[in-house]
N, C-alpha and C. Protein backbone atom coordinates (compact mmCIF):
# COMPACT_ATOMS: atom_id res chain seq x y z
N UNK A 1 0.83 -1.20 0.01
CA UNK A 1 -0.04 0.02 -0.01
C UNK A 1 0.89 1.26 0.01
N UNK A 2 1.96 1.27 0.77
CA UNK A 2 2.84 2.48 0.84
C UNK A 2 3.46 2.81 -0.52
N UNK A 3 3.87 1.80 -1.33
CA UNK A 3 4.39 2.19 -2.65
C UNK A 3 3.35 2.89 -3.53
N UNK A 4 2.11 2.59 -3.34
CA UNK A 4 1.06 3.27 -4.12
C UNK A 4 0.81 4.69 -3.59
N UNK A 5 0.92 4.88 -2.31
CA UNK A 5 0.65 6.24 -1.74
C UNK A 5 1.74 7.19 -1.94
N UNK A 6 3.02 6.72 -1.96
CA UNK A 6 4.17 7.62 -2.04
C UNK A 6 4.11 8.58 -3.23
N UNK A 7 3.86 8.09 -4.44
CA UNK A 7 3.82 9.05 -5.57
C UNK A 7 2.66 10.01 -5.50
N UNK A 8 1.55 9.51 -4.93
CA UNK A 8 0.41 10.41 -4.82
C UNK A 8 0.57 11.58 -3.85
N UNK A 9 1.43 11.33 -2.83
CA UNK A 9 1.65 12.31 -1.81
C UNK A 9 3.07 12.89 -1.93
N UNK A 10 3.68 12.77 -3.03
CA UNK A 10 5.03 13.28 -3.22
C UNK A 10 5.08 14.79 -2.82
N UNK A 11 6.19 15.15 -2.20
CA UNK A 11 6.27 16.55 -1.70
C UNK A 11 6.43 17.58 -2.78
N UNK A 12 6.87 17.17 -3.97
CA UNK A 12 7.04 18.10 -5.13
C UNK A 12 5.91 18.05 -6.15
N UNK A 13 5.48 16.86 -6.48
CA UNK A 13 4.55 16.74 -7.58
C UNK A 13 3.40 15.75 -7.30
N UNK A 14 3.08 15.61 -6.01
CA UNK A 14 1.93 14.77 -5.62
C UNK A 14 0.61 15.54 -5.84
N UNK A 15 -0.48 14.82 -5.57
CA UNK A 15 -1.81 15.37 -5.78
C UNK A 15 -2.03 16.67 -5.00
N UNK A 16 -1.66 16.74 -3.69
CA UNK A 16 -1.89 17.99 -2.98
C UNK A 16 -1.21 19.25 -3.67
N UNK A 17 0.00 19.05 -4.11
CA UNK A 17 0.75 20.15 -4.73
C UNK A 17 0.09 20.51 -6.07
N UNK A 18 -0.22 19.50 -6.89
CA UNK A 18 -0.81 19.75 -8.23
C UNK A 18 -2.16 20.39 -8.13
N UNK A 19 -3.00 19.96 -7.15
CA UNK A 19 -4.32 20.49 -6.99
C UNK A 19 -4.20 21.95 -6.45
N UNK A 20 -3.29 22.15 -5.51
CA UNK A 20 -3.05 23.53 -5.04
C UNK A 20 -2.64 24.44 -6.19
N UNK A 21 -1.75 23.97 -7.06
CA UNK A 21 -1.34 24.76 -8.23
C UNK A 21 -2.51 25.06 -9.15
N UNK A 22 -3.33 24.05 -9.36
CA UNK A 22 -4.51 24.25 -10.26
C UNK A 22 -5.50 25.27 -9.70
N UNK A 23 -5.74 25.21 -8.38
CA UNK A 23 -6.61 26.18 -7.74
C UNK A 23 -6.03 27.61 -7.78
N UNK A 24 -4.76 27.71 -7.58
CA UNK A 24 -4.09 29.05 -7.64
C UNK A 24 -4.15 29.62 -9.05
N UNK A 25 -3.98 28.75 -10.02
CA UNK A 25 -4.12 29.19 -11.43
C UNK A 25 -5.51 29.60 -11.73
N UNK A 26 -6.49 28.85 -11.31
CA UNK A 26 -7.91 29.24 -11.45
C UNK A 26 -8.18 30.61 -10.87
N UNK A 27 -7.69 30.83 -9.67
CA UNK A 27 -7.90 32.13 -9.02
C UNK A 27 -7.27 33.24 -9.82
N UNK A 28 -6.10 33.00 -10.39
CA UNK A 28 -5.40 33.94 -11.22
C UNK A 28 -6.23 34.24 -12.53
N UNK A 29 -6.71 33.25 -13.12
CA UNK A 29 -7.56 33.42 -14.38
C UNK A 29 -8.85 34.21 -14.09
N UNK A 30 -9.48 33.88 -12.97
CA UNK A 30 -10.69 34.63 -12.62
C UNK A 30 -10.34 36.12 -12.41
N UNK A 31 -9.21 36.41 -11.78
CA UNK A 31 -8.81 37.75 -11.51
C UNK A 31 -8.52 38.50 -12.83
N UNK A 32 -7.86 37.80 -13.76
CA UNK A 32 -7.53 38.42 -15.05
C UNK A 32 -8.77 38.68 -15.92
N UNK A 33 -9.77 37.82 -15.77
CA UNK A 33 -10.98 37.96 -16.62
C UNK A 33 -12.09 38.75 -15.98
N UNK A 34 -11.88 39.12 -14.76
CA UNK A 34 -12.96 39.85 -14.05
C UNK A 34 -13.09 41.27 -14.62
N UNK A 35 -14.32 41.77 -14.63
CA UNK A 35 -14.58 43.16 -15.00
C UNK A 35 -14.03 44.06 -13.93
N UNK A 36 -13.68 45.25 -14.40
CA UNK A 36 -13.16 46.28 -13.43
C UNK A 36 -14.20 47.31 -13.25
N UNK A 37 -14.51 47.76 -12.08
CA UNK A 37 -13.88 47.32 -10.85
C UNK A 37 -14.34 45.86 -10.48
N UNK A 38 -13.50 45.14 -9.84
CA UNK A 38 -13.81 43.79 -9.47
C UNK A 38 -14.88 43.76 -8.34
N UNK A 39 -15.95 42.96 -8.57
CA UNK A 39 -17.04 42.94 -7.62
C UNK A 39 -16.65 42.25 -6.34
N UNK A 40 -17.37 42.57 -5.30
CA UNK A 40 -17.13 41.90 -3.99
C UNK A 40 -17.29 40.40 -4.14
N UNK A 41 -18.25 39.98 -4.90
CA UNK A 41 -18.53 38.52 -5.06
C UNK A 41 -17.31 37.86 -5.78
N UNK A 42 -16.76 38.51 -6.77
CA UNK A 42 -15.57 37.97 -7.46
C UNK A 42 -14.42 37.92 -6.50
N UNK A 43 -14.23 38.98 -5.69
CA UNK A 43 -13.15 38.98 -4.75
C UNK A 43 -13.28 37.85 -3.73
N UNK A 44 -14.52 37.58 -3.29
CA UNK A 44 -14.75 36.52 -2.28
C UNK A 44 -14.44 35.14 -2.96
N UNK A 45 -14.85 34.98 -4.25
CA UNK A 45 -14.57 33.76 -4.95
C UNK A 45 -12.98 33.56 -5.12
N UNK A 46 -12.34 34.58 -5.46
CA UNK A 46 -10.88 34.51 -5.60
C UNK A 46 -10.22 34.13 -4.26
N UNK A 47 -10.71 34.73 -3.23
CA UNK A 47 -10.13 34.39 -1.88
C UNK A 47 -10.45 32.93 -1.54
N UNK A 48 -11.62 32.44 -1.92
CA UNK A 48 -11.96 31.07 -1.59
C UNK A 48 -11.04 30.12 -2.35
N UNK A 49 -10.69 30.39 -3.65
CA UNK A 49 -9.82 29.55 -4.40
C UNK A 49 -8.41 29.62 -3.79
N UNK A 50 -7.96 30.82 -3.37
CA UNK A 50 -6.63 30.96 -2.76
C UNK A 50 -6.52 30.17 -1.49
N UNK A 51 -7.55 30.24 -0.68
CA UNK A 51 -7.58 29.53 0.64
C UNK A 51 -7.61 28.04 0.43
N UNK A 52 -8.46 27.59 -0.52
CA UNK A 52 -8.56 26.10 -0.82
C UNK A 52 -7.21 25.63 -1.37
N UNK A 53 -6.56 26.41 -2.19
CA UNK A 53 -5.21 26.01 -2.68
C UNK A 53 -4.22 25.82 -1.57
N UNK A 54 -4.26 26.75 -0.60
CA UNK A 54 -3.36 26.60 0.57
C UNK A 54 -3.67 25.37 1.39
N UNK A 55 -4.98 25.15 1.61
CA UNK A 55 -5.34 23.97 2.39
C UNK A 55 -4.90 22.68 1.69
N UNK A 56 -5.07 22.58 0.45
CA UNK A 56 -4.65 21.37 -0.30
C UNK A 56 -3.14 21.22 -0.29
N UNK A 57 -2.45 22.31 -0.49
CA UNK A 57 -1.01 22.27 -0.52
C UNK A 57 -0.46 21.88 0.85
N UNK A 58 -1.10 22.22 1.94
CA UNK A 58 -0.68 21.88 3.28
C UNK A 58 -0.69 20.39 3.46
N UNK A 59 -1.51 19.66 2.73
CA UNK A 59 -1.62 18.19 2.91
C UNK A 59 -0.39 17.51 2.35
N UNK A 60 0.55 18.26 1.74
CA UNK A 60 1.78 17.58 1.25
C UNK A 60 2.59 17.04 2.35
N UNK A 61 2.39 17.50 3.59
CA UNK A 61 3.12 16.94 4.76
C UNK A 61 2.83 15.48 4.96
N UNK A 62 1.79 14.95 4.41
CA UNK A 62 1.53 13.51 4.50
C UNK A 62 2.69 12.73 3.88
N UNK A 63 3.40 13.36 3.00
CA UNK A 63 4.56 12.73 2.35
C UNK A 63 5.52 12.26 3.42
N UNK A 64 5.75 13.10 4.45
CA UNK A 64 6.70 12.73 5.51
C UNK A 64 6.14 11.57 6.35
N UNK A 65 4.84 11.52 6.55
CA UNK A 65 4.26 10.40 7.29
C UNK A 65 4.49 9.10 6.55
N UNK A 66 4.29 9.15 5.22
CA UNK A 66 4.47 7.93 4.39
C UNK A 66 5.91 7.52 4.51
N UNK A 67 6.90 8.50 4.45
CA UNK A 67 8.28 8.15 4.60
C UNK A 67 8.59 7.54 5.91
N UNK A 68 8.01 8.00 7.01
CA UNK A 68 8.20 7.37 8.31
C UNK A 68 7.70 5.96 8.35
N UNK A 69 6.49 5.76 7.78
CA UNK A 69 5.92 4.44 7.73
C UNK A 69 6.83 3.47 6.95
N UNK A 70 7.36 3.91 5.83
CA UNK A 70 8.24 3.10 5.00
C UNK A 70 9.46 2.73 5.80
N UNK A 71 10.03 3.68 6.51
CA UNK A 71 11.21 3.37 7.30
C UNK A 71 10.90 2.35 8.41
N UNK A 72 9.77 2.49 9.07
CA UNK A 72 9.38 1.63 10.18
C UNK A 72 9.10 0.18 9.61
N UNK A 73 8.50 0.14 8.43
CA UNK A 73 8.11 -1.17 7.91
C UNK A 73 9.24 -1.81 7.11
N UNK A 74 10.28 -1.06 6.83
CA UNK A 74 11.39 -1.63 6.06
C UNK A 74 11.14 -1.63 4.55
N UNK A 75 10.11 -0.89 4.16
CA UNK A 75 9.74 -0.87 2.73
C UNK A 75 10.78 0.01 2.02
N UNK A 76 11.10 -0.31 0.74
CA UNK A 76 12.07 0.57 0.05
C UNK A 76 11.54 1.93 -0.12
N UNK A 77 12.43 2.92 0.08
CA UNK A 77 12.05 4.29 -0.08
C UNK A 77 12.39 4.84 -1.48
N UNK A 78 11.96 6.07 -1.72
CA UNK A 78 12.23 6.65 -3.00
C UNK A 78 13.38 7.57 -2.87
């Protein structure tokens, strides 16, 4: 099971990092395409994408938990 999780939770290009990047890019696109002046609703939406991106990116720390489990179980590391 750990060999399957390791790439998904990779600290550089795992799912949390990629999803965080995608959400940040979405927020950027919304900002670039918004009418000026930017409405409060659009600003709230942009903030929500930014915060969600940070939350997903924070999950990259699971990478270290998987590494510890691999060390404890003797599974080969990456």
